[in-house]
């Protein structure tokens, strides 16, 4: 019901109460030297049917990150990004985009909302047994393929534990954090692709 009630007044709004929560989440995340988290990834169509359901692990340190999702692996050292597809036995290599509008995993937990979104505070709700603040975001750029982003912020830890992205087609992409561990020990070598560990893989360099 909250979505229906707020859409008409959304247009040019940046709710101070929502911003206060987002700023607190961002400030806290920036104090972490590293983060390891388990997450769930779900795709639903506009009828609510689940089309895909996967679990993964993400590790972040500075501008670097590594995501393991099923057998797929995305690795970035902050400058280069490697995307490994085990089914194709292929890794594609790209340079990391440096535009402010580029969303990295780190930005999803920090200040991505400052320039590109309007936002309002929705009703509190329980997510995974935790009481959360619900924040609804709308992109300013209407050419974006998505129309809404819903964030659930754990009131106790002030960490984002759920993100739902709603496309204009009605498809929904849901990311749910089940285990968030700050300041874990992560070797720098995890943020580089070591071809010797992937025998037979084809490297496609798109830089």
N, C-alpha and C. Protein backbone atom coordinates (compact mmCIF):
# COMPACT_ATOMS: atom_id res chain seq x y z
N UNK A 1 0.82 -1.21 0.00
CA UNK A 1 0.00 0.00 0.00
C UNK A 1 0.86 1.26 0.00
N UNK A 2 2.00 1.21 0.68
CA UNK A 2 2.85 2.38 0.78
C UNK A 2 3.29 2.87 -0.59
N UNK A 3 3.57 1.92 -1.52
CA UNK A 3 4.02 2.30 -2.85
C UNK A 3 2.95 3.12 -3.57
N UNK A 4 1.71 2.65 -3.54
CA UNK A 4 0.61 3.34 -4.21
C UNK A 4 0.42 4.74 -3.65
N UNK A 5 0.52 4.87 -2.34
CA UNK A 5 0.27 6.14 -1.69
C UNK A 5 1.35 7.18 -1.97
N UNK A 6 2.58 6.71 -2.25
CA UNK A 6 3.68 7.66 -2.34
C UNK A 6 4.09 8.00 -3.76
N UNK A 7 3.67 7.24 -4.75
CA UNK A 7 4.13 7.47 -6.12
C UNK A 7 3.79 8.87 -6.61
N UNK A 8 2.58 9.35 -6.35
CA UNK A 8 2.15 10.63 -6.88
C UNK A 8 2.97 11.79 -6.34
N UNK A 9 3.47 11.66 -5.10
CA UNK A 9 4.24 12.74 -4.51
C UNK A 9 5.74 12.52 -4.56
N UNK A 10 6.18 11.58 -5.39
CA UNK A 10 7.57 11.16 -5.39
C UNK A 10 8.46 12.13 -6.19
N UNK A 11 7.92 12.68 -7.25
CA UNK A 11 8.66 13.31 -8.33
C UNK A 11 9.98 13.96 -7.95
N UNK A 12 9.98 15.02 -7.17
CA UNK A 12 11.23 15.72 -6.86
C UNK A 12 11.50 15.73 -5.36
N UNK A 13 11.31 14.57 -4.74
CA UNK A 13 11.39 14.53 -3.28
C UNK A 13 12.62 13.81 -2.76
N UNK A 14 13.27 14.43 -1.79
CA UNK A 14 14.33 13.79 -1.03
C UNK A 14 13.96 13.93 0.44
N UNK A 15 13.36 12.88 0.94
CA UNK A 15 12.82 12.87 2.30
C UNK A 15 13.97 12.98 3.32
N UNK A 16 13.99 14.02 4.16
CA UNK A 16 15.07 14.18 5.15
C UNK A 16 15.21 12.98 6.09
N UNK A 17 14.09 12.35 6.45
CA UNK A 17 14.16 11.19 7.33
C UNK A 17 14.84 10.02 6.64
N UNK A 18 14.55 9.82 5.35
CA UNK A 18 15.20 8.75 4.58
C UNK A 18 16.68 9.06 4.42
N UNK A 19 17.00 10.32 4.14
CA UNK A 19 18.40 10.71 3.96
C UNK A 19 19.21 10.50 5.23
N UNK A 20 18.61 10.79 6.38
CA UNK A 20 19.31 10.60 7.65
C UNK A 20 19.71 9.14 7.85
N UNK A 21 18.81 8.23 7.48
CA UNK A 21 19.11 6.80 7.60
C UNK A 21 20.18 6.39 6.60
N UNK A 22 20.04 6.82 5.35
CA UNK A 22 21.02 6.48 4.31
C UNK A 22 22.40 7.04 4.66
N UNK A 23 22.45 8.25 5.18
CA UNK A 23 23.73 8.84 5.57
C UNK A 23 24.38 8.04 6.69
N UNK A 24 23.58 7.55 7.63
CA UNK A 24 24.11 6.76 8.75
C UNK A 24 24.65 5.42 8.26
N UNK A 25 23.91 4.79 7.33
CA UNK A 25 24.37 3.53 6.75
C UNK A 25 25.69 3.73 6.02
N UNK A 26 25.76 4.79 5.22
CA UNK A 26 26.97 5.09 4.45
C UNK A 26 28.16 5.35 5.35
N UNK A 27 27.97 6.19 6.37
CA UNK A 27 29.06 6.54 7.28
C UNK A 27 29.59 5.31 8.02
N UNK A 28 28.70 4.43 8.44
CA UNK A 28 29.13 3.24 9.16
C UNK A 28 29.90 2.29 8.25
N UNK A 29 29.40 2.11 7.01
CA UNK A 29 30.07 1.19 6.08
C UNK A 29 31.50 1.67 5.78
N UNK A 30 31.67 2.98 5.68
CA UNK A 30 32.99 3.53 5.35
C UNK A 30 34.01 3.31 6.46
N UNK A 31 33.57 2.95 7.65
CA UNK A 31 34.51 2.67 8.74
C UNK A 31 35.09 1.26 8.65
N UNK A 32 34.46 0.40 7.85
CA UNK A 32 34.93 -0.98 7.74
C UNK A 32 36.15 -1.06 6.82
N UNK A 33 37.17 -1.80 7.25
CA UNK A 33 38.34 -2.02 6.40
C UNK A 33 38.05 -3.07 5.33
N UNK A 34 37.16 -4.00 5.64
CA UNK A 34 36.77 -5.04 4.69
C UNK A 34 35.42 -5.60 5.12
N UNK A 35 34.79 -6.31 4.20
CA UNK A 35 33.49 -6.92 4.49
C UNK A 35 33.38 -8.25 3.76
N UNK A 36 32.84 -9.24 4.46
CA UNK A 36 32.46 -10.51 3.84
C UNK A 36 30.99 -10.75 4.14
N UNK A 37 30.22 -11.11 3.12
CA UNK A 37 28.78 -11.31 3.33
C UNK A 37 28.25 -12.43 2.45
N UNK A 38 27.34 -13.22 3.01
CA UNK A 38 26.58 -14.18 2.22
C UNK A 38 25.32 -13.48 1.72
N UNK A 39 24.89 -13.81 0.52
CA UNK A 39 23.69 -13.16 0.01
C UNK A 39 22.88 -14.12 -0.87
N UNK A 40 21.60 -13.81 -0.97
CA UNK A 40 20.72 -14.53 -1.88
C UNK A 40 20.37 -13.63 -3.05
N UNK A 41 20.18 -14.22 -4.22
CA UNK A 41 19.85 -13.46 -5.43
C UNK A 41 18.65 -14.13 -6.08
N UNK A 42 17.59 -13.37 -6.26
CA UNK A 42 16.35 -13.92 -6.79
C UNK A 42 15.81 -13.02 -7.91
N UNK A 43 15.35 -13.66 -8.98
CA UNK A 43 14.70 -12.94 -10.07
C UNK A 43 13.25 -13.38 -10.15
N UNK A 44 12.33 -12.40 -10.18
CA UNK A 44 10.91 -12.70 -10.32
C UNK A 44 10.34 -11.92 -11.50
N UNK A 45 9.39 -12.52 -12.22
CA UNK A 45 8.76 -11.80 -13.32
C UNK A 45 7.65 -10.90 -12.79
N UNK A 46 6.95 -10.21 -13.71
CA UNK A 46 5.95 -9.24 -13.26
C UNK A 46 4.71 -9.89 -12.64
N UNK A 47 4.61 -11.22 -12.74
CA UNK A 47 3.50 -11.94 -12.11
C UNK A 47 3.90 -12.49 -10.75
N UNK A 48 5.15 -12.26 -10.35
CA UNK A 48 5.64 -12.72 -9.06
C UNK A 48 6.21 -14.12 -9.08
N UNK A 49 6.33 -14.71 -10.28
CA UNK A 49 6.89 -16.07 -10.39
C UNK A 49 8.41 -16.00 -10.30
N UNK A 50 8.99 -16.87 -9.46
CA UNK A 50 10.45 -16.91 -9.29
C UNK A 50 11.08 -17.57 -10.51
N UNK A 51 11.95 -16.83 -11.21
CA UNK A 51 12.61 -17.33 -12.41
C UNK A 51 14.02 -17.86 -12.12
N UNK A 52 14.62 -17.37 -11.07
CA UNK A 52 15.96 -17.82 -10.69
C UNK A 52 16.17 -17.55 -9.22
N UNK A 53 16.93 -18.43 -8.58
CA UNK A 53 17.18 -18.31 -7.15
C UNK A 53 18.58 -18.85 -6.86
N UNK A 54 19.50 -17.97 -6.50
CA UNK A 54 20.88 -18.40 -6.28
C UNK A 54 21.40 -17.83 -4.96
N UNK A 55 22.48 -18.44 -4.48
CA UNK A 55 23.16 -17.93 -3.29
C UNK A 55 24.62 -17.66 -3.63
N UNK A 56 25.18 -16.68 -2.96
CA UNK A 56 26.56 -16.33 -3.24
C UNK A 56 27.27 -15.73 -2.05
N UNK A 57 28.54 -15.38 -2.27
CA UNK A 57 29.37 -14.75 -1.25
C UNK A 57 30.08 -13.57 -1.90
N UNK A 58 30.12 -12.44 -1.19
CA UNK A 58 30.85 -11.27 -1.68
C UNK A 58 31.89 -10.85 -0.65
N UNK A 59 33.06 -10.47 -1.15
CA UNK A 59 34.12 -9.94 -0.30
C UNK A 59 34.53 -8.58 -0.86
N UNK A 60 34.66 -7.59 0.02
CA UNK A 60 35.03 -6.24 -0.40
C UNK A 60 36.15 -5.70 0.47
N UNK A 61 37.04 -4.98 -0.17
CA UNK A 61 38.16 -4.37 0.54
C UNK A 61 38.62 -3.15 -0.26
N UNK A 62 38.46 -1.96 0.30
CA UNK A 62 38.75 -0.75 -0.47
C UNK A 62 37.85 -0.70 -1.70
N UNK A 63 38.45 -0.50 -2.87
CA UNK A 63 37.70 -0.48 -4.13
C UNK A 63 37.63 -1.86 -4.78
N UNK A 64 38.22 -2.86 -4.15
CA UNK A 64 38.28 -4.21 -4.72
C UNK A 64 37.13 -5.07 -4.21
N UNK A 65 36.74 -6.04 -5.02
CA UNK A 65 35.71 -6.99 -4.59
C UNK A 65 35.80 -8.28 -5.38
N UNK A 66 35.25 -9.33 -4.80
CA UNK A 66 35.10 -10.60 -5.50
C UNK A 66 33.73 -11.16 -5.14
N UNK A 67 33.00 -11.60 -6.17
CA UNK A 67 31.66 -12.15 -5.98
C UNK A 67 31.65 -13.58 -6.51
N UNK A 68 31.25 -14.51 -5.68
CA UNK A 68 31.05 -15.90 -6.10
C UNK A 68 29.56 -16.16 -6.10
N UNK A 69 29.01 -16.46 -7.27
CA UNK A 69 27.58 -16.70 -7.41
C UNK A 69 27.40 -17.99 -8.20
N UNK A 70 27.08 -19.07 -7.48
CA UNK A 70 27.08 -20.37 -8.13
C UNK A 70 28.52 -20.68 -8.51
N UNK A 71 28.75 -21.06 -9.75
CA UNK A 71 30.11 -21.28 -10.22
C UNK A 71 30.72 -20.03 -10.82
N UNK A 72 29.89 -19.04 -11.08
CA UNK A 72 30.38 -17.80 -11.68
C UNK A 72 31.17 -16.98 -10.67
N UNK A 73 32.13 -16.22 -11.18
CA UNK A 73 32.98 -15.42 -10.31
C UNK A 73 33.22 -14.07 -10.98
N UNK A 74 33.03 -12.99 -10.23
CA UNK A 74 33.35 -11.65 -10.69
C UNK A 74 34.41 -11.09 -9.77
N UNK A 75 35.53 -10.68 -10.35
CA UNK A 75 36.68 -10.21 -9.56
C UNK A 75 37.06 -8.82 -10.04
N UNK A 76 37.34 -7.93 -9.10
CA UNK A 76 37.82 -6.60 -9.47
C UNK A 76 38.86 -6.12 -8.47
N UNK A 77 39.94 -5.55 -9.00
CA UNK A 77 40.96 -4.96 -8.14
C UNK A 77 40.80 -3.45 -8.06
N UNK A 78 39.65 -2.95 -8.55
CA UNK A 78 39.39 -1.52 -8.56
C UNK A 78 39.74 -0.86 -9.87
N UNK A 79 40.56 -1.53 -10.69
CA UNK A 79 40.96 -1.00 -12.00
C UNK A 79 40.47 -1.89 -13.13
N UNK A 80 40.60 -3.21 -12.91
CA UNK A 80 40.19 -4.21 -13.90
C UNK A 80 39.12 -5.10 -13.31
N UNK A 81 38.22 -5.58 -14.17
CA UNK A 81 37.17 -6.50 -13.73
C UNK A 81 37.20 -7.75 -14.60
N UNK A 82 37.22 -8.91 -13.94
CA UNK A 82 37.22 -10.20 -14.62
C UNK A 82 35.89 -10.90 -14.33
N UNK A 83 35.24 -11.40 -15.38
CA UNK A 83 33.97 -12.10 -15.22
C UNK A 83 34.14 -13.52 -15.74
N UNK A 84 34.17 -14.48 -14.81
CA UNK A 84 34.44 -15.88 -15.16
C UNK A 84 33.14 -16.67 -15.26
N UNK A 85 32.96 -17.31 -16.43
CA UNK A 85 31.78 -18.14 -16.69
C UNK A 85 32.26 -19.59 -16.86
N UNK A 86 32.05 -20.44 -15.85
CA UNK A 86 32.55 -21.83 -15.95
C UNK A 86 31.88 -22.64 -17.04
N UNK A 87 30.62 -22.33 -17.35
CA UNK A 87 29.90 -23.08 -18.39
C UNK A 87 30.54 -22.86 -19.75
N UNK A 88 31.01 -21.65 -20.00
CA UNK A 88 31.65 -21.32 -21.28
C UNK A 88 33.16 -21.51 -21.23
N UNK A 89 33.68 -21.79 -20.04
CA UNK A 89 35.13 -21.87 -19.83
C UNK A 89 35.81 -20.61 -20.38
N UNK A 90 35.25 -19.47 -19.97
CA UNK A 90 35.70 -18.19 -20.52
C UNK A 90 35.72 -17.12 -19.43
N UNK A 91 36.70 -16.24 -19.51
CA UNK A 91 36.72 -15.07 -18.63
C UNK A 91 36.85 -13.83 -19.52
N UNK A 92 35.94 -12.87 -19.32
CA UNK A 92 36.02 -11.62 -20.04
C UNK A 92 36.67 -10.58 -19.14
N UNK A 93 37.49 -9.73 -19.76
CA UNK A 93 38.25 -8.74 -19.01
C UNK A 93 37.86 -7.35 -19.49
N UNK A 94 37.50 -6.48 -18.55
CA UNK A 94 37.14 -5.10 -18.87
C UNK A 94 37.82 -4.15 -17.89
N UNK A 95 37.93 -2.89 -18.30
CA UNK A 95 38.38 -1.86 -17.37
C UNK A 95 37.18 -1.40 -16.54
N UNK A 96 37.42 -1.07 -15.30
CA UNK A 96 36.36 -0.57 -14.43
C UNK A 96 35.98 0.83 -14.87
N UNK A 97 34.69 1.08 -15.05
CA UNK A 97 34.23 2.42 -15.40
C UNK A 97 34.40 3.34 -14.20
N UNK A 98 34.86 4.55 -14.46
CA UNK A 98 35.13 5.49 -13.36
C UNK A 98 34.06 6.57 -13.25
N UNK A 99 33.00 6.47 -14.06
CA UNK A 99 31.94 7.48 -13.99
C UNK A 99 31.25 7.43 -12.63
N UNK A 100 30.81 8.58 -12.15
CA UNK A 100 30.14 8.65 -10.85
C UNK A 100 28.87 7.81 -10.83
N UNK A 101 28.23 7.68 -12.01
CA UNK A 101 26.95 6.96 -12.07
C UNK A 101 27.13 5.44 -12.05
N UNK A 102 28.39 4.98 -12.20
CA UNK A 102 28.64 3.54 -12.18
C UNK A 102 28.43 3.00 -10.76
N UNK A 103 27.58 1.96 -10.63
CA UNK A 103 27.28 1.39 -9.33
C UNK A 103 28.16 0.17 -9.08
N UNK A 104 29.03 0.25 -8.08
CA UNK A 104 29.85 -0.88 -7.67
C UNK A 104 29.21 -1.47 -6.40
N UNK A 105 29.61 -2.68 -6.00
CA UNK A 105 29.06 -3.23 -4.75
C UNK A 105 29.28 -2.30 -3.56
N UNK A 106 30.45 -1.65 -3.52
CA UNK A 106 30.71 -0.73 -2.41
C UNK A 106 29.73 0.44 -2.41
N UNK A 107 29.41 0.97 -3.59
CA UNK A 107 28.51 2.13 -3.66
C UNK A 107 27.10 1.76 -3.21
N UNK A 108 26.72 0.49 -3.38
CA UNK A 108 25.39 0.07 -2.96
C UNK A 108 25.22 0.18 -1.44
N UNK A 109 26.34 0.19 -0.73
CA UNK A 109 26.29 0.30 0.73
C UNK A 109 26.66 1.71 1.20
N UNK A 110 26.98 2.61 0.26
CA UNK A 110 27.43 3.94 0.69
C UNK A 110 26.55 5.04 0.09
N UNK A 111 27.15 5.95 -0.69
CA UNK A 111 26.42 7.17 -1.06
C UNK A 111 25.96 7.21 -2.51
N UNK A 112 25.57 6.05 -3.07
CA UNK A 112 25.11 6.02 -4.46
C UNK A 112 23.86 6.88 -4.67
N UNK A 113 23.13 7.13 -3.63
CA UNK A 113 21.83 7.80 -3.70
C UNK A 113 21.94 9.32 -3.83
N UNK A 114 23.11 9.89 -3.55
CA UNK A 114 23.23 11.33 -3.39
C UNK A 114 22.83 12.15 -4.61
N UNK A 115 23.22 11.72 -5.81
CA UNK A 115 22.98 12.53 -7.01
C UNK A 115 21.97 11.93 -7.97
N UNK A 116 21.82 10.62 -7.96
CA UNK A 116 21.06 9.96 -9.02
C UNK A 116 19.64 9.56 -8.64
N UNK A 117 19.24 9.78 -7.39
CA UNK A 117 17.93 9.30 -6.94
C UNK A 117 17.16 10.33 -6.13
N UNK A 118 15.83 10.22 -6.21
CA UNK A 118 14.92 10.80 -5.24
C UNK A 118 14.54 9.65 -4.30
N UNK A 119 14.14 9.96 -3.07
CA UNK A 119 13.85 8.88 -2.13
C UNK A 119 12.88 9.33 -1.05
N UNK A 120 12.15 8.35 -0.54
CA UNK A 120 11.21 8.59 0.56
C UNK A 120 11.31 7.43 1.55
N UNK A 121 10.86 7.69 2.76
CA UNK A 121 10.85 6.67 3.80
C UNK A 121 9.49 5.98 3.81
N UNK A 122 9.49 4.65 3.68
CA UNK A 122 8.26 3.88 3.74
C UNK A 122 7.97 3.42 5.15
N UNK A 123 7.09 2.44 5.28
CA UNK A 123 6.74 1.90 6.60
C UNK A 123 7.78 0.88 7.05
N UNK A 124 8.02 0.84 8.38
CA UNK A 124 8.90 -0.18 8.93
C UNK A 124 8.30 -1.55 8.66
N UNK A 125 9.18 -2.55 8.42
CA UNK A 125 8.68 -3.91 8.22
C UNK A 125 9.74 -4.91 8.63
N UNK A 126 9.31 -6.13 8.91
CA UNK A 126 10.24 -7.20 9.28
C UNK A 126 10.76 -7.89 8.02
N UNK A 127 12.08 -8.08 7.97
CA UNK A 127 12.72 -8.81 6.88
C UNK A 127 13.65 -9.83 7.51
N UNK A 128 13.39 -11.11 7.26
CA UNK A 128 14.23 -12.15 7.86
C UNK A 128 14.23 -12.11 9.37
N UNK A 129 13.11 -11.70 9.95
CA UNK A 129 13.00 -11.64 11.40
C UNK A 129 13.57 -10.39 12.03
N UNK A 130 14.10 -9.48 11.20
CA UNK A 130 14.70 -8.25 11.72
C UNK A 130 13.81 -7.06 11.37
N UNK A 131 13.63 -6.14 12.30
CA UNK A 131 12.85 -4.94 12.04
C UNK A 131 13.70 -3.97 11.20
N UNK A 132 13.14 -3.51 10.10
CA UNK A 132 13.90 -2.66 9.18
C UNK A 132 13.17 -1.37 8.86
N UNK A 133 13.95 -0.38 8.46
CA UNK A 133 13.42 0.84 7.85
C UNK A 133 13.39 0.61 6.35
N UNK A 134 12.27 0.91 5.71
CA UNK A 134 12.13 0.70 4.27
C UNK A 134 12.28 2.03 3.55
N UNK A 135 13.21 2.08 2.61
CA UNK A 135 13.43 3.29 1.84
C UNK A 135 13.18 3.00 0.37
N UNK A 136 12.38 3.86 -0.27
CA UNK A 136 12.01 3.68 -1.67
C UNK A 136 12.73 4.75 -2.48
N UNK A 137 13.47 4.32 -3.51
CA UNK A 137 14.23 5.25 -4.34
C UNK A 137 13.72 5.21 -5.77
N UNK A 138 13.80 6.37 -6.43
CA UNK A 138 13.40 6.48 -7.83
C UNK A 138 14.52 7.18 -8.59
N UNK A 139 14.98 6.61 -9.71
CA UNK A 139 16.07 7.26 -10.46
C UNK A 139 15.61 8.57 -11.08
N UNK A 140 16.49 9.56 -11.06
CA UNK A 140 16.18 10.84 -11.70
C UNK A 140 16.20 10.70 -13.21
N UNK A 141 17.15 9.90 -13.72
CA UNK A 141 17.28 9.65 -15.16
C UNK A 141 16.20 8.66 -15.59
N UNK A 142 15.19 9.16 -16.30
CA UNK A 142 14.05 8.33 -16.69
C UNK A 142 14.39 7.30 -17.77
N UNK A 143 15.60 7.39 -18.34
CA UNK A 143 15.99 6.40 -19.35
C UNK A 143 16.51 5.11 -18.73
N UNK A 144 16.67 5.10 -17.41
CA UNK A 144 17.13 3.89 -16.73
C UNK A 144 16.10 2.77 -16.95
N UNK A 145 16.55 1.51 -17.03
CA UNK A 145 15.61 0.40 -17.26
C UNK A 145 14.80 0.03 -16.03
N UNK A 146 15.13 0.60 -14.87
CA UNK A 146 14.39 0.28 -13.66
C UNK A 146 13.65 1.53 -13.16
N UNK A 147 12.54 1.30 -12.46
CA UNK A 147 11.71 2.41 -12.00
C UNK A 147 11.77 2.63 -10.50
N UNK A 148 12.13 1.62 -9.73
CA UNK A 148 12.17 1.72 -8.27
C UNK A 148 13.30 0.86 -7.71
N UNK A 149 13.83 1.30 -6.58
CA UNK A 149 14.74 0.49 -5.77
C UNK A 149 14.22 0.54 -4.34
N UNK A 150 14.06 -0.64 -3.73
CA UNK A 150 13.57 -0.72 -2.35
C UNK A 150 14.70 -1.24 -1.47
N UNK A 151 15.05 -0.46 -0.45
CA UNK A 151 16.10 -0.87 0.49
C UNK A 151 15.48 -1.18 1.84
N UNK A 152 15.95 -2.24 2.49
CA UNK A 152 15.57 -2.56 3.85
C UNK A 152 16.81 -2.42 4.72
N UNK A 153 16.77 -1.49 5.66
CA UNK A 153 17.91 -1.21 6.54
C UNK A 153 17.61 -1.76 7.93
N UNK A 154 18.45 -2.67 8.39
CA UNK A 154 18.31 -3.24 9.73
C UNK A 154 18.44 -2.14 10.78
N UNK A 155 17.39 -1.95 11.58
CA UNK A 155 17.40 -0.88 12.58
C UNK A 155 18.48 -1.07 13.65
N UNK A 156 18.81 -2.33 13.94
CA UNK A 156 19.78 -2.61 15.00
C UNK A 156 21.22 -2.37 14.53
N UNK A 157 21.57 -2.89 13.35
CA UNK A 157 22.95 -2.80 12.87
C UNK A 157 23.20 -1.62 11.94
N UNK A 158 22.13 -1.04 11.39
CA UNK A 158 22.21 0.04 10.40
C UNK A 158 22.98 -0.41 9.15
N UNK A 159 22.77 -1.67 8.78
CA UNK A 159 23.30 -2.21 7.53
C UNK A 159 22.13 -2.53 6.59
N UNK A 160 22.36 -2.39 5.29
CA UNK A 160 21.35 -2.78 4.31
C UNK A 160 21.31 -4.30 4.24
N UNK A 161 20.13 -4.89 4.46
CA UNK A 161 20.04 -6.35 4.44
C UNK A 161 19.20 -6.85 3.27
N UNK A 162 18.55 -5.95 2.55
CA UNK A 162 17.77 -6.38 1.38
C UNK A 162 17.65 -5.22 0.40
N UNK A 163 17.82 -5.55 -0.89
CA UNK A 163 17.65 -4.58 -1.97
C UNK A 163 16.80 -5.21 -3.05
N UNK A 164 15.73 -4.53 -3.44
CA UNK A 164 14.91 -5.02 -4.56
C UNK A 164 14.89 -3.96 -5.65
N UNK A 165 15.27 -4.36 -6.86
CA UNK A 165 15.27 -3.47 -8.02
C UNK A 165 14.11 -3.87 -8.91
N UNK A 166 13.23 -2.92 -9.21
CA UNK A 166 12.05 -3.19 -10.03
C UNK A 166 12.25 -2.56 -11.40
N UNK A 167 12.29 -3.39 -12.44
CA UNK A 167 12.42 -2.88 -13.80
C UNK A 167 11.09 -2.32 -14.30
N UNK A 168 11.16 -1.53 -15.36
CA UNK A 168 9.94 -0.98 -15.95
C UNK A 168 9.05 -2.08 -16.53
N UNK A 169 9.64 -3.23 -16.84
CA UNK A 169 8.87 -4.38 -17.34
C UNK A 169 8.09 -5.06 -16.23
N UNK A 170 8.44 -4.75 -14.98
CA UNK A 170 7.80 -5.39 -13.84
C UNK A 170 8.65 -6.49 -13.24
N UNK A 171 9.72 -6.90 -13.92
CA UNK A 171 10.63 -7.89 -13.36
C UNK A 171 11.32 -7.33 -12.12
N UNK A 172 11.57 -8.22 -11.14
CA UNK A 172 12.19 -7.78 -9.89
C UNK A 172 13.45 -8.60 -9.60
N UNK A 173 14.47 -7.90 -9.13
CA UNK A 173 15.73 -8.52 -8.76
C UNK A 173 15.96 -8.24 -7.28
N UNK A 174 16.04 -9.30 -6.49
CA UNK A 174 16.11 -9.15 -5.04
C UNK A 174 17.44 -9.70 -4.52
N UNK A 175 18.16 -8.87 -3.77
CA UNK A 175 19.42 -9.27 -3.13
C UNK A 175 19.20 -9.21 -1.62
N UNK A 176 19.42 -10.34 -0.94
CA UNK A 176 19.19 -10.42 0.49
C UNK A 176 20.48 -10.85 1.19
N UNK A 177 20.94 -10.04 2.13
CA UNK A 177 22.17 -10.35 2.88
C UNK A 177 21.81 -11.18 4.10
N UNK A 178 22.42 -12.36 4.23
CA UNK A 178 22.09 -13.25 5.34
C UNK A 178 23.17 -13.28 6.41
N UNK A 179 24.38 -12.87 6.07
CA UNK A 179 25.48 -12.93 7.04
C UNK A 179 26.48 -11.84 6.69
N UNK A 180 26.51 -10.78 7.45
CA UNK A 180 27.34 -9.61 7.17
C UNK A 180 28.45 -9.53 8.20
N UNK A 181 29.71 -9.69 7.75
CA UNK A 181 30.84 -9.70 8.68
C UNK A 181 31.84 -8.62 8.30
N UNK A 182 31.93 -7.54 9.08
CA UNK A 182 32.90 -6.47 8.79
C UNK A 182 34.29 -6.82 9.31
N UNK A 183 35.30 -6.18 8.69
CA UNK A 183 36.69 -6.27 9.13
C UNK A 183 37.22 -7.70 9.19
N UNK A 184 36.86 -8.48 8.17
CA UNK A 184 37.41 -9.84 8.05
C UNK A 184 38.77 -9.77 7.34
N UNK A 185 39.58 -10.80 7.56
CA UNK A 185 40.90 -10.85 6.91
C UNK A 185 40.76 -11.41 5.49
N UNK A 186 41.13 -10.61 4.50
CA UNK A 186 41.03 -11.02 3.09
C UNK A 186 42.36 -10.74 2.41
N UNK A 187 42.96 -11.75 1.82
CA UNK A 187 44.23 -11.58 1.12
C UNK A 187 44.03 -10.76 -0.15
N UNK A 188 44.97 -9.86 -0.44
CA UNK A 188 44.86 -9.02 -1.63
C UNK A 188 44.82 -9.84 -2.91
N UNK A 189 45.44 -11.02 -2.89
CA UNK A 189 45.47 -11.88 -4.08
C UNK A 189 44.11 -12.35 -4.53
N UNK A 190 43.11 -12.30 -3.65
CA UNK A 190 41.77 -12.73 -4.03
C UNK A 190 41.13 -11.78 -5.03
N UNK A 191 41.70 -10.57 -5.18
CA UNK A 191 41.10 -9.58 -6.04
C UNK A 191 41.79 -9.48 -7.40
N UNK A 192 42.47 -10.53 -7.77
CA UNK A 192 43.09 -10.64 -9.10
C UNK A 192 42.77 -12.00 -9.69
N UNK A 193 42.60 -12.07 -11.00
CA UNK A 193 42.31 -13.34 -11.66
C UNK A 193 43.62 -14.05 -11.97
N UNK A 194 43.80 -15.23 -11.39
CA UNK A 194 44.99 -16.05 -11.60
C UNK A 194 44.64 -17.17 -12.57
N UNK A 195 45.05 -17.01 -13.83
CA UNK A 195 44.68 -17.96 -14.88
C UNK A 195 45.18 -19.37 -14.58
N UNK A 196 46.29 -19.48 -13.84
CA UNK A 196 46.85 -20.80 -13.54
C UNK A 196 45.90 -21.66 -12.72
N UNK A 197 44.95 -21.01 -12.03
CA UNK A 197 43.98 -21.74 -11.21
C UNK A 197 42.75 -22.16 -12.02
N UNK A 198 42.73 -21.76 -13.31
CA UNK A 198 41.59 -22.07 -14.18
C UNK A 198 42.11 -22.65 -15.50
N UNK A 199 42.67 -23.86 -15.45
CA UNK A 199 43.27 -24.45 -16.66
C UNK A 199 42.24 -24.60 -17.78
N UNK A 200 42.66 -24.23 -19.00
CA UNK A 200 41.79 -24.39 -20.16
C UNK A 200 40.84 -23.23 -20.40
N UNK A 201 40.83 -22.24 -19.52
CA UNK A 201 39.91 -21.12 -19.67
C UNK A 201 40.39 -20.19 -20.78
N UNK A 202 39.44 -19.69 -21.58
CA UNK A 202 39.77 -18.72 -22.63
C UNK A 202 39.61 -17.32 -22.07
N UNK A 203 40.61 -16.47 -22.29
CA UNK A 203 40.58 -15.09 -21.81
C UNK A 203 40.21 -14.16 -22.97
N UNK A 204 39.11 -13.44 -22.81
CA UNK A 204 38.65 -12.50 -23.82
C UNK A 204 38.84 -11.09 -23.26
N UNK A 205 39.87 -10.41 -23.76
CA UNK A 205 40.20 -9.08 -23.24
C UNK A 205 39.47 -8.01 -24.05
N UNK A 206 38.54 -7.31 -23.42
CA UNK A 206 37.71 -6.31 -24.10
C UNK A 206 38.15 -4.89 -23.76
N UNK A 207 39.32 -4.74 -23.17
CA UNK A 207 39.79 -3.40 -22.82
C UNK A 207 40.30 -2.67 -24.06
